[in-house]
Amino acid sequence: MAFLENVDKAKLQKILLITISALMLAALGLLLAIVIMSIEPAGLQGTDMNFTDYVLEENDTKTGSLVLADQNHKYAVDRALLDLVDCQGYRDTQMSAEGITEKNYLPYKGMMLNKTAMENAHKLLTDLRAGVEDSKAVTIDAAFDRIVNGGAETEGYNTGLLMFLSDNASDSGNHIALGEDYKAWLDDNAAKYGFVNEFEDAYRYVGVAHAKYIADEKLSLAEYVELLKKNTSNEKGLTTKDAEGNEYYVYYVSAKAGETIKVPASNEYTVSGTNEGGVIVTVKLAK
């Protein structure tokens, strides 16, 4: 052990301390990673529902309020599957039925949306006009089949679920961004009608069962689908609530048309395609 006499003990202690510290930091980092990986999304839980078999149809896998359509997910289906309605025609019919004389929103001629999305968009835009002081009718600048001022993310309009709004009812063809009062109202209320802010002044219909969770968790639709894809099954779903407090049980299944999946035997449910190889089942839970 004579060689130890020539070693600087202070330097040796310093080296040992550095080595021990490095090992402790590595262990702490590994422990933290394990903890983070074990954290599950809020609301994830098992179920005691009874399930039955359901054979997916082509419409189940290609359409629905949760289909992805963006730069990473090209989307094109037979328009007959989209259940489209003319925005102006729907507005005028509803105005007549509701006894409304002043137009609360102004779609460009020829624009269309999926029927369910349009029903909710009508309620949203009518209430927006009433909810913002000294407001004027907003314009739907872009929707299915007529992209006047739709921004860069045009793929989403192919779903019939996306609308791009303008703060000005102008024929100039120039988009005027929504004012802060409109944006603030939409931030607080869009989810009640099943819409989330997709980009800029574009609002995408995803359904009331999902909109509040997506908005509260500050997720994009793609991130929401990925969360469901990684963490759920029919036996362990994500429970969500809409703005009225109604509860839903949501889960992802990797399957394509013609394949059999599990769906609830008694509860009301819907199936939406995702445009990336699977479907999402949304089950309405009894109060």
Protein backbone atom coordinates (compact mmCIF):
# COMPACT_ATOMS: atom_id res chain seq x y z
CA MET A 1 0.00 0.00 0.00
CA ALA A 2 3.04 2.22 -0.28
CA PHE A 3 1.68 3.87 -3.44
CA LEU A 4 -1.10 5.50 -1.37
CA GLU A 5 1.52 7.56 0.40
CA ASN A 6 2.19 9.36 -2.89
CA VAL A 7 -1.51 10.12 -3.54
CA ASP A 8 -2.93 13.55 -2.71
CA LYS A 9 -5.65 12.58 -0.22
CA ALA A 10 -7.57 15.85 -0.76
CA LYS A 11 -7.73 15.19 -4.50
CA LEU A 12 -8.80 11.59 -3.89
CA GLN A 13 -11.63 12.71 -1.60
CA LYS A 14 -12.75 15.26 -4.19
CA ILE A 15 -12.85 12.61 -6.92
CA LEU A 16 -14.83 10.24 -4.68
CA LEU A 17 -17.35 12.98 -3.82
CA ILE A 18 -17.83 13.86 -7.49
CA THR A 19 -18.29 10.18 -8.39
CA ILE A 20 -20.82 9.58 -5.60
CA SER A 21 -22.75 12.75 -6.52
CA ALA A 22 -22.91 11.72 -10.16
CA LEU A 23 -24.21 8.26 -9.23
CA MET A 24 -26.84 9.77 -6.92
CA LEU A 25 -28.02 12.18 -9.62
CA ALA A 26 -28.26 9.33 -12.14
CA ALA A 27 -30.29 7.24 -9.67
CA LEU A 28 -32.57 10.20 -8.92
CA GLY A 29 -33.10 10.83 -12.63
CA LEU A 30 -34.00 7.16 -13.20
CA LEU A 31 -36.47 7.22 -10.29
CA LEU A 32 -38.09 10.40 -11.60
CA ALA A 33 -38.44 8.89 -15.07
CA ILE A 34 -40.13 5.81 -13.59
CA VAL A 35 -42.56 8.00 -11.61
CA ILE A 36 -43.42 10.12 -14.67
CA MET A 37 -44.00 7.01 -16.80
CA SER A 38 -46.35 5.61 -14.15
CA ILE A 39 -48.57 8.71 -14.04
CA GLU A 40 -51.88 8.10 -15.78
CA PRO A 41 -54.15 10.76 -17.29
CA ALA A 42 -56.70 12.19 -14.87
CA GLY A 43 -59.95 10.30 -15.15
CA LEU A 44 -58.49 7.01 -16.35
CA GLN A 45 -60.29 4.10 -14.72
CA GLY A 46 -61.67 0.62 -15.18
CA THR A 47 -65.29 -0.25 -15.75
CA ASP A 48 -67.88 -2.83 -14.80
CA MET A 49 -69.89 -2.36 -18.01
CA ASN A 50 -70.94 -5.40 -20.01
CA PHE A 51 -69.65 -5.50 -23.57
CA THR A 52 -70.80 -7.08 -26.79
CA ASP A 53 -69.25 -7.59 -30.21
CA TYR A 54 -69.62 -5.02 -32.98
CA VAL A 55 -68.28 -5.33 -36.53
CA LEU A 56 -66.86 -2.03 -37.75
CA GLU A 57 -68.27 -0.58 -40.93
CA GLU A 58 -66.36 1.59 -43.39
CA ASN A 59 -68.22 4.68 -42.22
CA ASP A 60 -67.09 4.02 -38.61
CA THR A 61 -63.42 4.10 -39.54
CA LYS A 62 -63.42 6.95 -42.07
CA THR A 63 -65.64 9.59 -40.45
CA GLY A 64 -66.53 10.97 -37.02
CA SER A 65 -65.86 14.01 -34.87
CA LEU A 66 -62.35 12.83 -33.91
CA VAL A 67 -60.83 12.10 -37.33
CA LEU A 68 -57.38 13.64 -37.70
CA ALA A 69 -56.82 15.90 -40.69
CA ASP A 70 -53.67 18.01 -40.72
CA GLN A 71 -50.26 18.20 -42.34
CA ASN A 72 -49.43 14.74 -40.98
CA HIS A 73 -52.84 13.19 -41.71
CA LYS A 74 -54.18 13.67 -45.24
CA TYR A 75 -57.94 13.27 -45.35
CA ALA A 76 -60.21 12.58 -48.29
CA VAL A 77 -63.43 10.53 -48.28
CA ASP A 78 -66.57 10.37 -50.35
CA ARG A 79 -68.41 13.58 -49.48
CA ALA A 80 -71.65 11.59 -49.18
CA LEU A 81 -70.24 10.11 -45.95
CA LEU A 82 -69.78 13.56 -44.38
CA ASP A 83 -73.52 14.37 -43.98
CA LEU A 84 -73.03 17.96 -45.15
CA VAL A 85 -75.49 20.85 -45.01
CA ASP A 86 -75.27 24.31 -46.58
CA CYS A 87 -74.33 26.86 -43.91
CA GLN A 88 -76.43 29.72 -45.30
CA GLY A 89 -79.45 27.50 -45.91
CA TYR A 90 -79.30 26.01 -42.41
CA ARG A 91 -78.94 29.46 -40.83
CA ASP A 92 -81.91 30.87 -42.74
CA THR A 93 -84.12 27.88 -41.90
CA GLN A 94 -83.26 28.15 -38.20
CA MET A 95 -83.75 31.92 -38.19
CA SER A 96 -87.23 31.45 -39.60
CA ALA A 97 -88.08 28.71 -37.09
CA GLU A 98 -86.70 30.75 -34.16
CA GLY A 99 -88.29 34.04 -35.24
CA ILE A 100 -84.91 35.74 -35.62
CA THR A 101 -84.82 38.67 -38.03
CA GLU A 102 -81.18 39.80 -37.76
CA LYS A 103 -78.43 37.56 -39.13
CA ASN A 104 -76.11 36.66 -36.25
CA TYR A 105 -73.38 35.20 -38.50
CA LEU A 106 -72.59 35.34 -42.19
CA PRO A 107 -71.25 32.29 -44.03
CA TYR A 108 -69.91 32.82 -47.54
CA LYS A 109 -72.18 31.32 -50.17
CA GLY A 110 -71.57 27.65 -50.87
CA MET A 111 -69.86 26.81 -47.57
CA MET A 112 -70.88 23.57 -45.88
CA LEU A 113 -70.41 21.78 -42.57
CA ASN A 114 -71.32 18.37 -41.22
CA LYS A 115 -74.94 18.53 -40.03
CA THR A 116 -74.18 17.94 -36.34
CA ALA A 117 -71.29 20.42 -36.45
CA MET A 118 -73.56 22.98 -38.14
CA GLU A 119 -76.32 22.54 -35.56
CA ASN A 120 -73.84 23.32 -32.82
CA ALA A 121 -72.09 26.07 -34.80
CA HIS A 122 -75.46 27.82 -35.21
CA LYS A 123 -76.02 27.80 -31.46
CA LEU A 124 -72.43 28.87 -30.79
CA LEU A 125 -72.41 31.80 -33.21
CA THR A 126 -75.89 32.97 -32.22
CA ASP A 127 -74.89 32.99 -28.54
CA LEU A 128 -71.55 34.63 -29.39
CA ARG A 129 -73.40 37.57 -30.94
CA ALA A 130 -75.59 37.88 -27.85
CA GLY A 131 -72.72 37.34 -25.41
CA VAL A 132 -70.34 40.06 -26.66
CA GLU A 133 -71.36 43.66 -26.02
CA ASP A 134 -71.73 45.87 -29.13
CA SER A 135 -70.89 42.88 -31.33
CA LYS A 136 -71.57 42.43 -35.02
CA ALA A 137 -72.18 39.31 -37.06
CA VAL A 138 -69.00 37.30 -37.56
CA THR A 139 -68.22 35.77 -40.93
CA ILE A 140 -67.45 32.12 -41.59
CA ASP A 141 -64.46 32.69 -43.85
CA ALA A 142 -63.76 29.04 -44.56
CA ALA A 143 -65.49 25.69 -44.29
CA PHE A 144 -65.91 22.60 -46.45
CA ASP A 145 -65.49 23.14 -50.20
CA ARG A 146 -65.01 26.90 -50.00
CA ILE A 147 -61.75 28.12 -48.52
CA VAL A 148 -61.83 31.89 -48.85
CA ASN A 149 -59.40 32.80 -46.07
CA GLY A 150 -58.54 29.56 -44.40
CA GLY A 151 -54.97 29.91 -43.24
CA ALA A 152 -52.35 27.23 -43.90
CA GLU A 153 -54.01 24.23 -42.23
CA THR A 154 -56.43 23.56 -45.06
CA GLU A 155 -56.54 19.76 -44.68
CA GLY A 156 -58.95 20.05 -41.75
CA TYR A 157 -61.70 21.58 -43.88
CA ASN A 158 -62.05 18.28 -45.75
CA THR A 159 -63.73 16.80 -42.67
CA GLY A 160 -66.67 19.22 -42.72
CA LEU A 161 -65.94 19.89 -39.04
CA LEU A 162 -63.72 22.99 -39.22
CA MET A 163 -64.75 26.63 -39.65
CA PHE A 164 -62.56 29.73 -39.86
CA LEU A 165 -64.11 32.89 -38.42
CA SER A 166 -63.62 36.57 -39.27
CA ASP A 167 -64.42 39.62 -37.16
CA ASN A 168 -65.80 41.48 -40.13
CA ALA A 169 -68.66 40.85 -42.54
CA SER A 170 -66.74 42.17 -45.51
CA ASP A 171 -66.75 41.22 -49.19
CA SER A 172 -63.17 42.41 -49.57
CA GLY A 173 -61.80 38.88 -49.31
CA ASN A 174 -59.42 39.97 -46.56
CA HIS A 175 -59.58 38.14 -43.26
CA ILE A 176 -59.89 40.37 -40.20
CA ALA A 177 -58.80 38.56 -37.05
CA LEU A 178 -61.30 38.08 -34.26
CA GLY A 179 -61.12 40.79 -31.61
CA GLU A 180 -60.10 40.06 -28.05
CA ASP A 181 -63.70 40.22 -26.81
CA TYR A 182 -64.76 37.51 -29.26
CA LYS A 183 -61.71 35.38 -28.48
CA ALA A 184 -62.28 35.68 -24.74
CA TRP A 185 -65.92 34.60 -25.07
CA LEU A 186 -64.96 31.65 -27.28
CA ASP A 187 -62.19 30.61 -24.87
CA ASP A 188 -64.77 30.43 -22.09
CA ASN A 189 -67.66 28.93 -24.03
CA ALA A 190 -66.69 27.08 -27.24
CA ALA A 191 -66.36 23.73 -25.45
CA LYS A 192 -70.01 23.92 -24.34
CA TYR A 193 -70.95 23.53 -28.00
CA GLY A 194 -68.34 20.86 -28.75
CA PHE A 195 -65.75 23.12 -30.41
CA VAL A 196 -62.04 23.62 -29.72
CA ASN A 197 -59.67 26.24 -31.09
CA GLU A 198 -57.63 24.47 -33.78
CA PHE A 199 -55.39 27.34 -34.92
CA GLU A 200 -55.67 31.14 -35.22
CA ASP A 201 -59.44 31.85 -35.63
CA ALA A 202 -60.31 28.29 -36.70
CA TYR A 203 -62.68 26.23 -34.55
CA ARG A 204 -63.04 22.49 -34.93
CA TYR A 205 -66.04 20.43 -33.84
CA VAL A 206 -64.96 17.42 -31.75
CA GLY A 207 -68.15 16.85 -29.75
CA VAL A 208 -69.17 17.94 -26.28
CA ALA A 209 -67.88 14.71 -24.72
CA HIS A 210 -64.31 15.64 -25.67
CA ALA A 211 -64.10 19.43 -26.08
CA LYS A 212 -63.92 20.37 -22.40
CA TYR A 213 -61.20 17.81 -21.61
CA ILE A 214 -59.13 18.87 -24.64
CA ALA A 215 -59.49 22.55 -23.71
CA ASP A 216 -58.85 22.05 -19.98
CA GLU A 217 -55.75 19.95 -20.61
CA LYS A 218 -54.55 22.29 -23.41
CA LEU A 219 -54.18 19.42 -25.86
CA SER A 220 -54.31 19.40 -29.63
CA LEU A 221 -56.69 16.88 -31.16
CA ALA A 222 -53.70 14.80 -32.30
CA GLU A 223 -52.33 14.77 -28.75
CA TYR A 224 -55.73 13.74 -27.38
CA VAL A 225 -55.97 10.83 -29.82
CA GLU A 226 -52.41 9.78 -28.94
CA LEU A 227 -53.25 9.90 -25.22
CA LEU A 228 -56.23 7.60 -25.79
CA LYS A 229 -54.22 5.35 -28.08
CA LYS A 230 -51.47 4.80 -25.51
CA ASN A 231 -53.54 4.57 -22.33
CA THR A 232 -57.01 3.15 -22.99
CA SER A 233 -58.95 0.05 -23.96
CA ASN A 234 -62.56 -1.02 -23.48
CA GLU A 235 -61.54 -2.33 -20.02
CA LYS A 236 -59.74 0.87 -18.96
CA GLY A 237 -61.15 4.07 -20.43
CA LEU A 238 -60.85 7.80 -19.86
CA THR A 239 -63.80 9.42 -18.10
CA THR A 240 -64.63 12.92 -19.30
CA LYS A 241 -67.33 15.48 -18.58
CA ASP A 242 -69.05 17.97 -20.82
CA ALA A 243 -69.84 21.52 -19.73
CA GLU A 244 -73.21 20.38 -18.37
CA GLY A 245 -71.61 17.77 -16.12
CA ASN A 246 -72.63 14.72 -18.16
CA GLU A 247 -70.04 11.93 -17.91
CA TYR A 248 -68.56 9.84 -20.71
CA TYR A 249 -66.33 6.80 -20.89
CA VAL A 250 -63.89 7.02 -23.81
CA TYR A 251 -61.49 4.43 -25.21
CA TYR A 252 -59.40 3.68 -28.29
CA VAL A 253 -59.37 0.44 -30.28
CA SER A 254 -56.85 -0.40 -32.99
CA ALA A 255 -59.05 -1.90 -35.71
CA LYS A 256 -60.20 -1.41 -39.29
CA ALA A 257 -63.43 -1.92 -41.23
CA GLY A 258 -64.67 -5.50 -41.09
CA GLU A 259 -62.98 -6.26 -37.77
CA THR A 260 -64.83 -6.88 -34.49
CA ILE A 261 -64.48 -4.60 -31.47
CA LYS A 262 -66.06 -4.51 -28.02
CA VAL A 263 -68.83 -1.95 -27.37
CA PRO A 264 -71.17 -1.52 -24.38
CA ALA A 265 -74.17 -3.81 -24.40
CA SER A 266 -76.63 -1.31 -22.92
CA ASN A 267 -75.19 2.24 -22.78
CA GLU A 268 -75.59 4.75 -25.60
CA TYR A 269 -72.35 5.07 -27.56
CA THR A 270 -70.79 6.48 -30.75
CA VAL A 271 -67.81 5.34 -32.81
CA SER A 272 -65.43 7.76 -34.53
CA GLY A 273 -62.63 7.01 -36.92
CA THR A 274 -59.24 8.59 -36.29
CA ASN A 275 -57.63 8.45 -39.76
CA GLU A 276 -54.60 6.70 -38.33
CA GLY A 277 -55.59 3.05 -37.97
CA GLY A 278 -58.12 2.85 -35.14
CA VAL A 279 -61.41 4.08 -33.75
CA ILE A 280 -62.54 5.85 -30.59
CA VAL A 281 -65.66 4.70 -28.74
CA THR A 282 -67.49 7.31 -26.64
CA VAL A 283 -69.99 5.97 -24.13
CA LYS A 284 -72.52 8.19 -22.37
CA LEU A 285 -72.77 7.22 -18.70
CA ALA A 286 -76.01 7.32 -16.78
CA LYS A 287 -76.33 10.15 -14.23
